[in-house]
Structure formats: C-alpha cells, structure tokens
Amino acid sequence: MKGLAELPQRSEETRERLRENARDSRSWAPSWSLKKLDAETAAKIAPADEQKIIRAIEVCLLARKPLSEVHRTARKPLRGWKPIKLGLQLLEMHLEIASTRVLTPMLAAGWFEEVSQLLNKGYPENAKPFDFIGYRELRDVLPKQNVF
C-alpha cells in the first residue's frame, strides 16, 4: 500500500561469505553483527532466524546504509494499481467451529508457552514473531508475572 523499497539485488557471493562466517566462527553471530549495523531491524528479527538476519546484513552492506533506513526513505509508490481492501464477516457459529478445530489444538500443543518463552528471552513487544496472527493477542493476555 505504501510502495516498495528499492533493495539491492541479492548477492550470492556476499551471502555465501556471511553463511561461511556463521558456520566457521564460534565467536561470530549474525544477530550481533546486525545489531551493530542496524539495531532497529535486529530488534524485529528473531536471533535464530539466520536467513532473515543474513539478508538484512547483506542489504546493509550492499546499500551502505541500515535496512530500516532503506525501508523508511526509499519507497516508490505503486503506479497503475488501485488498492482494494476486503474484509470478511464470518457468522459467530463459524468462528466457534474455527476456534475449536484450529486454535484449541494449537493452544494444547504449547502455543501459550511458546509466546511466554519469547517474552522471557527478552524479545521486545514489537519483534517480528508478534506480527503473526495470534501471537500479539496471546502476548497481551499472558499474566504479567510470567513475563520477563
């Protein structure tokens, strides 16, 4: 809706070098490097998500500026497209069925615990995992004494 940032093309050479550094060095962690290059982006990516971290580092190196800055300043508006927002209104009965079939098993499998662990590990409330459907809502209903 806001347009797309012009990101540099992927560089297999840079990516492979970053992957090799991550594999070969016990002291080099991609998440630490990203924090130095772009703390704002690093806060939004889970430290275990090496693929996203490596891409973010790659963009920082190739663009010669933080990825967060690229996203803020280099957006080109979409031309020739007219955005349409759609919404669906489900009957209450369908919502009950969906929650019984989908949410109940996910909660029984430890979804609350997963969200609690993310918070206990120190992920900020605006971290990427909380952008996914349900995670923010579960975070908001967790008892505060179980968090941090």
N, C-alpha and C. Protein backbone atom coordinates (compact mmCIF):
# COMPACT_ATOMS: atom_id res chain seq x y z
N MET A 1 0.83 -1.19 0.00
CA MET A 1 0.00 0.00 0.00
C MET A 1 0.88 1.26 0.00
N LYS A 2 2.01 1.22 0.68
CA LYS A 2 2.87 2.39 0.76
C LYS A 2 3.95 2.39 -0.30
N GLY A 3 3.98 1.36 -1.11
CA GLY A 3 5.03 1.25 -2.12
C GLY A 3 6.13 0.31 -1.63
N LEU A 4 7.03 0.02 -2.53
CA LEU A 4 8.09 -0.92 -2.22
C LEU A 4 9.43 -0.21 -2.14
N ALA A 5 10.26 -0.66 -1.21
CA ALA A 5 11.61 -0.11 -1.09
C ALA A 5 12.47 -0.72 -2.19
N GLU A 6 13.37 0.08 -2.72
CA GLU A 6 14.30 -0.44 -3.72
C GLU A 6 15.48 -1.06 -3.01
N LEU A 7 15.43 -2.37 -2.87
CA LEU A 7 16.50 -3.10 -2.21
C LEU A 7 17.53 -3.54 -3.24
N PRO A 8 18.78 -3.65 -2.83
CA PRO A 8 19.78 -4.15 -3.77
C PRO A 8 19.47 -5.61 -4.15
N GLN A 9 19.86 -5.98 -5.35
CA GLN A 9 19.71 -7.36 -5.79
C GLN A 9 20.54 -8.27 -4.87
N ARG A 10 20.07 -9.47 -4.69
CA ARG A 10 20.80 -10.39 -3.82
C ARG A 10 22.16 -10.70 -4.41
N SER A 11 23.11 -10.85 -3.55
CA SER A 11 24.48 -11.16 -3.94
C SER A 11 24.83 -12.52 -3.35
N GLU A 12 24.88 -13.52 -4.21
CA GLU A 12 25.21 -14.87 -3.73
C GLU A 12 26.60 -14.90 -3.10
N GLU A 13 27.51 -14.11 -3.65
CA GLU A 13 28.88 -14.07 -3.11
C GLU A 13 28.87 -13.53 -1.67
N THR A 14 28.16 -12.43 -1.44
CA THR A 14 28.08 -11.84 -0.10
C THR A 14 27.36 -12.79 0.85
N ARG A 15 26.26 -13.36 0.40
CA ARG A 15 25.51 -14.30 1.24
C ARG A 15 26.35 -15.50 1.65
N GLU A 16 27.05 -16.06 0.69
CA GLU A 16 27.87 -17.24 0.98
C GLU A 16 28.97 -16.89 1.97
N ARG A 17 29.56 -15.71 1.81
CA ARG A 17 30.60 -15.28 2.75
C ARG A 17 30.02 -15.14 4.16
N LEU A 18 28.82 -14.57 4.28
CA LEU A 18 28.17 -14.42 5.58
C LEU A 18 27.82 -15.79 6.17
N ARG A 19 27.31 -16.69 5.34
CA ARG A 19 26.99 -18.05 5.82
C ARG A 19 28.25 -18.77 6.30
N GLU A 20 29.35 -18.63 5.53
CA GLU A 20 30.61 -19.28 5.93
C GLU A 20 31.10 -18.72 7.26
N ASN A 21 31.03 -17.41 7.42
CA ASN A 21 31.43 -16.81 8.69
C ASN A 21 30.59 -17.35 9.84
N ALA A 22 29.30 -17.50 9.61
CA ALA A 22 28.42 -18.01 10.66
C ALA A 22 28.77 -19.47 10.99
N ARG A 23 29.10 -20.26 9.97
CA ARG A 23 29.44 -21.68 10.19
C ARG A 23 30.81 -21.87 10.82
N ASP A 24 31.78 -21.11 10.31
CA ASP A 24 33.17 -21.35 10.67
C ASP A 24 33.64 -20.69 11.95
N SER A 25 32.95 -19.66 12.35
CA SER A 25 33.42 -18.90 13.51
C SER A 25 32.51 -19.15 14.71
N ARG A 26 33.12 -19.56 15.78
CA ARG A 26 32.35 -19.77 17.01
C ARG A 26 32.03 -18.44 17.69
N SER A 27 32.79 -17.43 17.35
CA SER A 27 32.59 -16.14 18.02
C SER A 27 31.70 -15.20 17.21
N TRP A 28 31.52 -15.46 15.92
CA TRP A 28 30.72 -14.56 15.09
C TRP A 28 29.29 -15.02 15.06
N ALA A 29 28.39 -14.17 15.46
CA ALA A 29 26.96 -14.48 15.40
C ALA A 29 26.31 -13.43 14.52
N PRO A 30 25.58 -13.87 13.50
CA PRO A 30 24.96 -12.90 12.60
C PRO A 30 24.09 -11.87 13.32
N SER A 31 23.38 -12.30 14.38
CA SER A 31 22.49 -11.35 15.07
C SER A 31 23.29 -10.22 15.72
N TRP A 32 24.48 -10.50 16.24
CA TRP A 32 25.31 -9.44 16.83
C TRP A 32 25.76 -8.46 15.76
N SER A 33 26.16 -8.98 14.61
CA SER A 33 26.60 -8.10 13.52
C SER A 33 25.47 -7.21 13.05
N LEU A 34 24.26 -7.77 12.94
CA LEU A 34 23.13 -6.96 12.51
C LEU A 34 22.82 -5.88 13.54
N LYS A 35 22.94 -6.19 14.82
CA LYS A 35 22.70 -5.18 15.86
C LYS A 35 23.64 -3.99 15.69
N LYS A 36 24.89 -4.26 15.29
CA LYS A 36 25.86 -3.18 15.10
C LYS A 36 25.52 -2.36 13.86
N LEU A 37 25.05 -3.04 12.81
CA LEU A 37 24.74 -2.35 11.56
C LEU A 37 23.39 -1.65 11.58
N ASP A 38 22.41 -2.30 12.25
CA ASP A 38 21.04 -1.78 12.22
C ASP A 38 20.26 -2.35 13.40
N ALA A 39 20.37 -1.69 14.53
CA ALA A 39 19.73 -2.18 15.76
C ALA A 39 18.21 -2.23 15.63
N GLU A 40 17.64 -1.29 14.88
CA GLU A 40 16.19 -1.25 14.72
C GLU A 40 15.67 -2.51 14.01
N THR A 41 16.33 -2.90 12.93
CA THR A 41 15.94 -4.12 12.21
C THR A 41 16.25 -5.36 13.04
N ALA A 42 17.38 -5.36 13.72
CA ALA A 42 17.77 -6.52 14.54
C ALA A 42 16.73 -6.80 15.61
N ALA A 43 16.12 -5.76 16.16
CA ALA A 43 15.12 -5.94 17.21
C ALA A 43 13.85 -6.59 16.69
N LYS A 44 13.65 -6.56 15.37
CA LYS A 44 12.43 -7.11 14.79
C LYS A 44 12.61 -8.53 14.25
N ILE A 45 13.83 -9.04 14.25
CA ILE A 45 14.10 -10.37 13.71
C ILE A 45 14.57 -11.27 14.83
N ALA A 46 13.98 -12.45 14.91
CA ALA A 46 14.38 -13.42 15.94
C ALA A 46 15.86 -13.80 15.73
N PRO A 47 16.64 -13.85 16.81
CA PRO A 47 18.06 -14.19 16.67
C PRO A 47 18.31 -15.54 15.99
N ALA A 48 17.36 -16.45 16.06
CA ALA A 48 17.54 -17.76 15.43
C ALA A 48 17.18 -17.75 13.95
N ASP A 49 16.61 -16.67 13.44
CA ASP A 49 16.20 -16.61 12.04
C ASP A 49 17.38 -16.15 11.19
N GLU A 50 18.33 -17.07 11.01
CA GLU A 50 19.58 -16.73 10.34
C GLU A 50 19.37 -16.25 8.91
N GLN A 51 18.40 -16.83 8.20
CA GLN A 51 18.16 -16.44 6.82
C GLN A 51 17.78 -14.96 6.71
N LYS A 52 16.86 -14.50 7.56
CA LYS A 52 16.46 -13.09 7.53
C LYS A 52 17.59 -12.18 8.00
N ILE A 53 18.32 -12.64 9.00
CA ILE A 53 19.43 -11.82 9.52
C ILE A 53 20.50 -11.65 8.44
N ILE A 54 20.83 -12.74 7.76
CA ILE A 54 21.85 -12.65 6.72
C ILE A 54 21.38 -11.74 5.59
N ARG A 55 20.12 -11.82 5.20
CA ARG A 55 19.61 -10.92 4.15
C ARG A 55 19.67 -9.47 4.61
N ALA A 56 19.33 -9.22 5.86
CA ALA A 56 19.37 -7.85 6.38
C ALA A 56 20.81 -7.32 6.38
N ILE A 57 21.77 -8.15 6.79
CA ILE A 57 23.18 -7.74 6.77
C ILE A 57 23.61 -7.48 5.34
N GLU A 58 23.21 -8.38 4.44
CA GLU A 58 23.55 -8.24 3.02
C GLU A 58 23.04 -6.90 2.48
N VAL A 59 21.80 -6.55 2.78
CA VAL A 59 21.24 -5.28 2.31
C VAL A 59 22.01 -4.11 2.90
N CYS A 60 22.32 -4.17 4.19
CA CYS A 60 23.09 -3.09 4.82
C CYS A 60 24.43 -2.89 4.13
N LEU A 61 25.11 -4.00 3.84
CA LEU A 61 26.43 -3.91 3.20
C LEU A 61 26.32 -3.38 1.77
N LEU A 62 25.36 -3.89 1.01
CA LEU A 62 25.24 -3.50 -0.39
C LEU A 62 24.67 -2.09 -0.56
N ALA A 63 23.73 -1.72 0.29
CA ALA A 63 23.11 -0.38 0.20
C ALA A 63 23.95 0.68 0.91
N ARG A 64 24.88 0.23 1.74
CA ARG A 64 25.73 1.11 2.54
C ARG A 64 24.93 1.99 3.50
N LYS A 65 23.80 1.43 3.96
CA LYS A 65 23.01 2.09 4.99
C LYS A 65 22.10 1.05 5.64
N PRO A 66 21.57 1.33 6.82
CA PRO A 66 20.72 0.36 7.52
C PRO A 66 19.47 0.02 6.71
N LEU A 67 19.06 -1.22 6.80
CA LEU A 67 17.85 -1.67 6.12
C LEU A 67 16.64 -0.87 6.58
N SER A 68 16.57 -0.55 7.86
CA SER A 68 15.44 0.24 8.38
C SER A 68 15.37 1.60 7.68
N GLU A 69 16.52 2.19 7.40
CA GLU A 69 16.54 3.48 6.69
C GLU A 69 16.10 3.30 5.24
N VAL A 70 16.53 2.21 4.60
CA VAL A 70 16.11 1.94 3.22
C VAL A 70 14.59 1.84 3.17
N HIS A 71 14.00 1.11 4.12
CA HIS A 71 12.55 0.95 4.13
C HIS A 71 11.82 2.27 4.39
N ARG A 72 12.40 3.12 5.22
CA ARG A 72 11.75 4.39 5.55
C ARG A 72 11.84 5.42 4.43
N THR A 73 12.96 5.46 3.73
CA THR A 73 13.22 6.57 2.83
C THR A 73 13.16 6.25 1.35
N ALA A 74 13.24 5.01 0.98
CA ALA A 74 13.39 4.70 -0.45
C ALA A 74 12.18 4.00 -1.05
N ARG A 75 11.01 4.31 -0.57
CA ARG A 75 9.80 3.66 -1.11
C ARG A 75 9.30 4.40 -2.34
N LYS A 76 9.05 3.61 -3.37
CA LYS A 76 8.43 4.17 -4.57
C LYS A 76 6.97 3.80 -4.55
N PRO A 77 6.09 4.77 -4.72
CA PRO A 77 4.67 4.45 -4.71
C PRO A 77 4.32 3.53 -5.88
N LEU A 78 3.37 2.67 -5.65
CA LEU A 78 2.91 1.78 -6.71
C LEU A 78 2.11 2.60 -7.71
N ARG A 79 2.42 2.47 -8.95
CA ARG A 79 1.71 3.20 -10.00
C ARG A 79 0.94 2.20 -10.86
N GLY A 80 -0.24 2.61 -11.27
CA GLY A 80 -1.03 1.75 -12.12
C GLY A 80 -1.84 0.71 -11.37
N TRP A 81 -1.84 0.79 -10.05
CA TRP A 81 -2.58 -0.16 -9.22
C TRP A 81 -3.53 0.62 -8.32
N LYS A 82 -4.71 0.11 -8.18
CA LYS A 82 -5.66 0.72 -7.26
C LYS A 82 -5.90 -0.30 -6.13
N PRO A 83 -5.43 0.01 -4.93
CA PRO A 83 -5.60 -0.94 -3.83
C PRO A 83 -7.06 -1.08 -3.43
N ILE A 84 -7.45 -2.27 -3.14
CA ILE A 84 -8.80 -2.56 -2.66
C ILE A 84 -8.67 -3.35 -1.37
N LYS A 85 -9.30 -2.86 -0.33
CA LYS A 85 -9.29 -3.58 0.94
C LYS A 85 -10.56 -4.41 1.04
N LEU A 86 -10.38 -5.66 1.39
CA LEU A 86 -11.52 -6.57 1.54
C LEU A 86 -11.60 -7.04 2.98
N GLY A 87 -12.78 -7.26 3.43
CA GLY A 87 -12.99 -7.83 4.76
C GLY A 87 -14.07 -8.87 4.68
N LEU A 88 -13.94 -9.88 5.48
CA LEU A 88 -14.93 -10.94 5.52
C LEU A 88 -15.57 -10.96 6.90
N GLN A 89 -16.85 -11.12 6.92
CA GLN A 89 -17.55 -11.20 8.18
C GLN A 89 -18.11 -12.61 8.32
N LEU A 90 -17.55 -13.34 9.27
CA LEU A 90 -17.99 -14.71 9.50
C LEU A 90 -19.12 -14.74 10.51
N LEU A 91 -19.99 -15.68 10.33
CA LEU A 91 -21.03 -15.88 11.33
C LEU A 91 -20.40 -16.37 12.62
N GLU A 92 -20.98 -16.04 13.74
CA GLU A 92 -20.45 -16.44 15.04
C GLU A 92 -20.27 -17.95 15.13
N MET A 93 -21.20 -18.71 14.54
CA MET A 93 -21.11 -20.16 14.56
C MET A 93 -19.82 -20.63 13.86
N HIS A 94 -19.48 -20.01 12.74
CA HIS A 94 -18.27 -20.38 12.01
C HIS A 94 -17.01 -20.06 12.82
N LEU A 95 -17.04 -18.95 13.55
CA LEU A 95 -15.90 -18.59 14.39
C LEU A 95 -15.69 -19.62 15.50
N GLU A 96 -16.79 -20.09 16.10
CA GLU A 96 -16.68 -21.11 17.13
C GLU A 96 -16.09 -22.40 16.56
N ILE A 97 -16.54 -22.79 15.39
CA ILE A 97 -16.03 -24.00 14.76
C ILE A 97 -14.54 -23.84 14.45
N ALA A 98 -14.16 -22.70 13.90
CA ALA A 98 -12.76 -22.45 13.57
C ALA A 98 -11.89 -22.49 14.82
N SER A 99 -12.34 -21.88 15.90
CA SER A 99 -11.52 -21.88 17.12
C SER A 99 -11.41 -23.28 17.70
N THR A 100 -12.47 -24.05 17.61
CA THR A 100 -12.42 -25.41 18.14
C THR A 100 -11.49 -26.28 17.33
N ARG A 101 -11.54 -26.17 16.03
CA ARG A 101 -10.73 -27.02 15.15
C ARG A 101 -9.28 -26.58 15.02
N VAL A 102 -9.03 -25.30 15.11
CA VAL A 102 -7.69 -24.79 14.86
C VAL A 102 -6.99 -24.31 16.13
N LEU A 103 -7.62 -23.41 16.85
CA LEU A 103 -6.95 -22.78 17.99
C LEU A 103 -6.79 -23.72 19.17
N THR A 104 -7.81 -24.50 19.47
CA THR A 104 -7.73 -25.38 20.64
C THR A 104 -6.55 -26.33 20.54
N PRO A 105 -6.34 -27.04 19.41
CA PRO A 105 -5.16 -27.91 19.33
C PRO A 105 -3.84 -27.14 19.41
N MET A 106 -3.80 -25.93 18.84
CA MET A 106 -2.56 -25.14 18.89
C MET A 106 -2.25 -24.73 20.33
N LEU A 107 -3.27 -24.34 21.06
CA LEU A 107 -3.06 -23.97 22.46
C LEU A 107 -2.65 -25.19 23.27
N ALA A 108 -3.28 -26.33 23.01
CA ALA A 108 -2.95 -27.56 23.73
C ALA A 108 -1.51 -28.02 23.42
N ALA A 109 -1.01 -27.67 22.24
CA ALA A 109 0.34 -28.07 21.85
C ALA A 109 1.41 -27.13 22.40
N GLY A 110 1.01 -26.09 23.14
CA GLY A 110 2.01 -25.24 23.80
C GLY A 110 2.20 -23.86 23.23
N TRP A 111 1.18 -23.34 22.55
CA TRP A 111 1.31 -22.01 21.95
C TRP A 111 1.53 -20.93 23.01
N PHE A 112 0.79 -21.00 24.13
CA PHE A 112 1.00 -20.03 25.22
C PHE A 112 2.44 -20.09 25.72
N GLU A 113 2.94 -21.30 25.90
CA GLU A 113 4.30 -21.47 26.39
C GLU A 113 5.31 -20.88 25.42
N GLU A 114 5.06 -21.07 24.11
CA GLU A 114 5.96 -20.52 23.10
C GLU A 114 6.03 -19.00 23.19
N VAL A 115 4.88 -18.37 23.31
CA VAL A 115 4.83 -16.90 23.41
C VAL A 115 5.49 -16.45 24.71
N SER A 116 5.23 -17.16 25.78
CA SER A 116 5.84 -16.83 27.07
C SER A 116 7.36 -16.94 26.99
N GLN A 117 7.86 -17.97 26.31
CA GLN A 117 9.31 -18.14 26.16
C GLN A 117 9.93 -17.00 25.36
N LEU A 118 9.23 -16.55 24.30
CA LEU A 118 9.73 -15.42 23.52
C LEU A 118 9.90 -14.19 24.42
N LEU A 119 8.89 -13.93 25.25
CA LEU A 119 8.97 -12.78 26.14
C LEU A 119 10.04 -12.97 27.21
N ASN A 120 10.14 -14.18 27.75
CA ASN A 120 11.15 -14.45 28.78
C ASN A 120 12.57 -14.34 28.23
N LYS A 121 12.74 -14.56 26.92
CA LYS A 121 14.06 -14.42 26.30
C LYS A 121 14.39 -12.95 26.01
N GLY A 122 13.43 -12.07 26.25
CA GLY A 122 13.71 -10.65 26.11
C GLY A 122 13.31 -10.05 24.77
N TYR A 123 12.53 -10.78 23.96
CA TYR A 123 12.07 -10.20 22.71
C TYR A 123 11.19 -9.00 23.00
N PRO A 124 11.44 -7.88 22.33
CA PRO A 124 10.58 -6.72 22.55
C PRO A 124 9.18 -6.97 22.00
N GLU A 125 8.23 -6.20 22.48
CA GLU A 125 6.84 -6.41 22.07
C GLU A 125 6.61 -6.13 20.60
N ASN A 126 7.53 -5.43 19.94
CA ASN A 126 7.37 -5.16 18.51
C ASN A 126 8.23 -6.09 17.65
N ALA A 127 8.74 -7.18 18.24
CA ALA A 127 9.56 -8.14 17.48
C ALA A 127 8.71 -8.86 16.44
N LYS A 128 9.35 -9.32 15.39
CA LYS A 128 8.67 -9.93 14.26
C LYS A 128 7.70 -11.05 14.64
N PRO A 129 8.03 -11.96 15.58
CA PRO A 129 7.08 -13.02 15.89
C PRO A 129 5.70 -12.50 16.31
N PHE A 130 5.66 -11.31 16.91
CA PHE A 130 4.38 -10.78 17.38
C PHE A 130 3.57 -10.13 16.25
N ASP A 131 4.12 -10.16 15.03
CA ASP A 131 3.36 -9.71 13.87
C ASP A 131 2.46 -10.83 13.33
N PHE A 132 2.76 -12.07 13.71
CA PHE A 132 1.99 -13.20 13.19
C PHE A 132 0.66 -13.32 13.91
N ILE A 133 -0.33 -13.79 13.20
CA ILE A 133 -1.70 -13.89 13.71
C ILE A 133 -1.71 -14.67 15.03
N GLY A 134 -2.29 -14.07 16.04
CA GLY A 134 -2.48 -14.72 17.32
C GLY A 134 -1.38 -14.47 18.34
N TYR A 135 -0.14 -14.25 17.91
CA TYR A 135 0.96 -14.08 18.85
C TYR A 135 0.79 -12.82 19.68
N ARG A 136 0.43 -11.72 19.05
CA ARG A 136 0.25 -10.46 19.79
C ARG A 136 -0.89 -10.60 20.79
N GLU A 137 -1.96 -11.27 20.36
CA GLU A 137 -3.12 -11.44 21.23
C GLU A 137 -2.77 -12.31 22.43
N LEU A 138 -2.02 -13.38 22.21
CA LEU A 138 -1.60 -14.23 23.33
C LEU A 138 -0.65 -13.48 24.25
N ARG A 139 0.27 -12.71 23.67
CA ARG A 139 1.19 -11.91 24.48
C ARG A 139 0.41 -10.99 25.41
N ASP A 140 -0.66 -10.38 24.89
CA ASP A 140 -1.41 -9.41 25.67
C ASP A 140 -2.23 -10.03 26.79
N VAL A 141 -2.54 -11.32 26.69
CA VAL A 141 -3.34 -11.95 27.76
C VAL A 141 -2.51 -12.77 28.73
N LEU A 142 -1.20 -12.89 28.48
CA LEU A 142 -0.37 -13.62 29.43
C LEU A 142 -0.30 -12.86 30.74
N PRO A 143 -0.37 -13.58 31.86
CA PRO A 143 -0.22 -12.89 33.15
C PRO A 143 1.14 -12.22 33.23
N LYS A 144 1.16 -10.99 33.67
CA LYS A 144 2.40 -10.23 33.71
C LYS A 144 3.47 -10.88 34.58
N GLN A 145 3.08 -11.64 35.60
CA GLN A 145 4.10 -12.26 36.45
C GLN A 145 4.86 -13.37 35.74
N ASN A 146 4.31 -13.92 34.64
CA ASN A 146 5.01 -14.97 33.90
C ASN A 146 5.93 -14.39 32.84
N VAL A 147 5.89 -13.10 32.63
CA VAL A 147 6.67 -12.48 31.58
C VAL A 147 7.90 -11.82 32.20
N PHE A 148 9.04 -12.03 31.58
CA PHE A 148 10.33 -11.49 31.99
C PHE A 148 10.71 -12.04 33.31
